[in-house]
Amino acid sequence: MVFAVGNPLGLNSTVTSGIISAIGRGQLNLNKNSYSVENFIQTDAAINPGNSGGGLFDINGSLVGINSAIATSTGSYIGYGFAIQST
């Protein structure tokens, strides 16, 4: 169980919950820089535009990642969010 904290879509201080469904997720081409390294935590906790930079916390309140991206064709959350591992 994880919690994504942020300020998506113009809202302040939101928290969504979900699970981690994969770690070490890469080669998604979410970063358009050719020098980028992708090693994401994949979660179904909603990470919408504006959540980037917010924390992804476990049930004990420990930071496990920094919210950074979504896989989407519409610009909004459709089931997969990604965070950069914090440790």
C-alpha atoms as a PDB file:
ATOM      1  CA  MET A   1       0.000   0.000   0.000  1.00  0.00           C
ATOM      2  CA  VAL A   2       1.333   3.448  -0.973  1.00  0.00           C
ATOM      3  CA  PHE A   3       0.045   7.011  -0.872  1.00  0.00           C
ATOM      4  CA  ALA A   4       0.765   9.651  -3.532  1.00  0.00           C
ATOM      5  CA  VAL A   5       0.748  13.212  -2.174  1.00  0.00           C
ATOM      6  CA  GLY A   6       0.633  16.302  -4.361  1.00  0.00           C
ATOM      7  CA  ASN A   7      -1.299  19.194  -5.839  1.00  0.00           C
ATOM      8  CA  PRO A   8      -2.830  17.848  -9.067  1.00  0.00           C
ATOM      9  CA  LEU A   9      -5.178  19.646 -11.415  1.00  0.00           C
ATOM     10  CA  GLY A  10      -5.160  22.847  -9.373  1.00  0.00           C
ATOM     11  CA  LEU A  11      -6.212  21.125  -6.138  1.00  0.00           C
ATOM     12  CA  ASN A  12      -4.246  21.586  -2.914  1.00  0.00           C
ATOM     13  CA  SER A  13      -2.880  18.827  -0.719  1.00  0.00           C
ATOM     14  CA  THR A  14      -4.389  15.685  -2.225  1.00  0.00           C
ATOM     15  CA  VAL A  15      -3.657  12.102  -1.218  1.00  0.00           C
ATOM     16  CA  THR A  16      -4.452   9.054  -3.360  1.00  0.00           C
ATOM     17  CA  SER A  17      -3.737   5.441  -2.494  1.00  0.00           C
ATOM     18  CA  GLY A  18      -2.733   2.353  -4.396  1.00  0.00           C
ATOM     19  CA  ILE A  19      -0.224  -0.439  -4.654  1.00  0.00           C
ATOM     20  CA  ILE A  20       3.208  -0.785  -6.192  1.00  0.00           C
ATOM     21  CA  SER A  21       2.790  -3.029  -9.215  1.00  0.00           C
ATOM     22  CA  ALA A  22       6.376  -2.937 -10.538  1.00  0.00           C
ATOM     23  CA  ILE A  23       9.820  -1.626  -9.702  1.00  0.00           C
ATOM     24  CA  GLY A  24      12.703  -0.934 -12.034  1.00  0.00           C
ATOM     25  CA  ARG A  25      10.310   0.008 -14.840  1.00  0.00           C
ATOM     26  CA  GLY A  26      12.317   1.540 -17.664  1.00  0.00           C
ATOM     27  CA  GLN A  27      12.416   2.256 -21.369  1.00  0.00           C
ATOM     28  CA  LEU A  28       8.980   3.859 -21.315  1.00  0.00           C
ATOM     29  CA  ASN A  29      10.248   6.950 -23.150  1.00  0.00           C
ATOM     30  CA  LEU A  30       8.513   9.189 -20.610  1.00  0.00           C
ATOM     31  CA  ASN A  31      11.621  11.383 -20.487  1.00  0.00           C
ATOM     32  CA  LYS A  32      12.351  12.848 -23.895  1.00  0.00           C
ATOM     33  CA  ASN A  33      16.021  13.617 -23.140  1.00  0.00           C
ATOM     34  CA  SER A  34      18.389  11.104 -24.754  1.00  0.00           C
ATOM     35  CA  TYR A  35      20.532  11.148 -21.589  1.00  0.00           C
ATOM     36  CA  SER A  36      17.658  10.262 -19.268  1.00  0.00           C
ATOM     37  CA  VAL A  37      17.716   7.139 -17.154  1.00  0.00           C
ATOM     38  CA  GLU A  38      14.377   5.553 -16.388  1.00  0.00           C
ATOM     39  CA  ASN A  39      14.106   3.348 -13.307  1.00  0.00           C
ATOM     40  CA  PHE A  40      10.593   3.991 -12.084  1.00  0.00           C
ATOM     41  CA  ILE A  41       8.343   2.589  -9.387  1.00  0.00           C
ATOM     42  CA  GLN A  42       5.000   1.813 -11.051  1.00  0.00           C
ATOM     43  CA  THR A  43       1.871   2.408  -8.985  1.00  0.00           C
ATOM     44  CA  ASP A  44      -1.857   2.564  -9.495  1.00  0.00           C
ATOM     45  CA  ALA A  45      -2.118   5.462  -7.020  1.00  0.00           C
ATOM     46  CA  ALA A  46      -3.388   8.350  -9.132  1.00  0.00           C
ATOM     47  CA  ILE A  47      -0.548  10.650 -10.225  1.00  0.00           C
ATOM     48  CA  ASN A  48      -2.003  13.450 -12.343  1.00  0.00           C
ATOM     49  CA  PRO A  49      -0.329  16.585 -13.715  1.00  0.00           C
ATOM     50  CA  GLY A  50       0.662  18.632 -10.678  1.00  0.00           C
ATOM     51  CA  ASN A  51       1.549  15.608  -8.541  1.00  0.00           C
ATOM     52  CA  SER A  52       5.137  15.639  -9.847  1.00  0.00           C
ATOM     53  CA  GLY A  53       7.575  16.376  -7.066  1.00  0.00           C
ATOM     54  CA  GLY A  54       5.208  15.121  -4.394  1.00  0.00           C
ATOM     55  CA  GLY A  55       6.031  12.138  -2.253  1.00  0.00           C
ATOM     56  CA  LEU A  56       5.067   8.503  -2.602  1.00  0.00           C
ATOM     57  CA  PHE A  57       4.839   7.089   0.925  1.00  0.00           C
ATOM     58  CA  ASP A  58       4.369   3.605   2.333  1.00  0.00           C
ATOM     59  CA  ILE A  59       1.851   2.734   5.042  1.00  0.00           C
ATOM     60  CA  ASN A  60       4.441   3.550   7.751  1.00  0.00           C
ATOM     61  CA  GLY A  61       4.893   7.077   6.392  1.00  0.00           C
ATOM     62  CA  SER A  62       8.329   6.369   4.919  1.00  0.00           C
ATOM     63  CA  LEU A  63       9.178   8.079   1.642  1.00  0.00           C
ATOM     64  CA  VAL A  64       9.651   5.468  -1.082  1.00  0.00           C
ATOM     65  CA  GLY A  65       9.605   7.687  -4.161  1.00  0.00           C
ATOM     66  CA  ILE A  66       9.028  11.059  -5.783  1.00  0.00           C
ATOM     67  CA  ASN A  67       5.999  11.259  -8.085  1.00  0.00           C
ATOM     68  CA  SER A  68       7.168  12.051 -11.581  1.00  0.00           C
ATOM     69  CA  ALA A  69       5.080  10.794 -14.509  1.00  0.00           C
ATOM     70  CA  ILE A  70       1.961   9.101 -15.819  1.00  0.00           C
ATOM     71  CA  ALA A  71       1.407   6.858 -18.802  1.00  0.00           C
ATOM     72  CA  THR A  72      -1.446   8.479 -20.683  1.00  0.00           C
ATOM     73  CA  SER A  73      -2.794   9.192 -24.104  1.00  0.00           C
ATOM     74  CA  THR A  74      -5.213  11.843 -22.800  1.00  0.00           C
ATOM     75  CA  GLY A  75      -3.000  13.891 -20.434  1.00  0.00           C
ATOM     76  CA  SER A  76      -4.836  12.599 -17.363  1.00  0.00           C
ATOM     77  CA  TYR A  77      -4.447   9.515 -15.200  1.00  0.00           C
ATOM     78  CA  ILE A  78      -5.626   6.252 -16.761  1.00  0.00           C
ATOM     79  CA  GLY A  79      -4.186   3.673 -14.392  1.00  0.00           C
ATOM     80  CA  TYR A  80      -0.393   3.915 -14.288  1.00  0.00           C
ATOM     81  CA  GLY A  81       1.683   6.393 -12.347  1.00  0.00           C
ATOM     82  CA  PHE A  82       5.442   6.449 -11.954  1.00  0.00           C
ATOM     83  CA  ALA A  83       7.739   7.631  -9.206  1.00  0.00           C
ATOM     84  CA  ILE A  84      11.511   7.902  -8.958  1.00  0.00           C
ATOM     85  CA  GLN A  85      12.853   5.645  -6.228  1.00  0.00           C
ATOM     86  CA  SER A  86      14.006   7.658  -3.198  1.00  0.00           C
ATOM     87  CA  THR A  87      16.685   5.247  -1.929  1.00  0.00           C
END
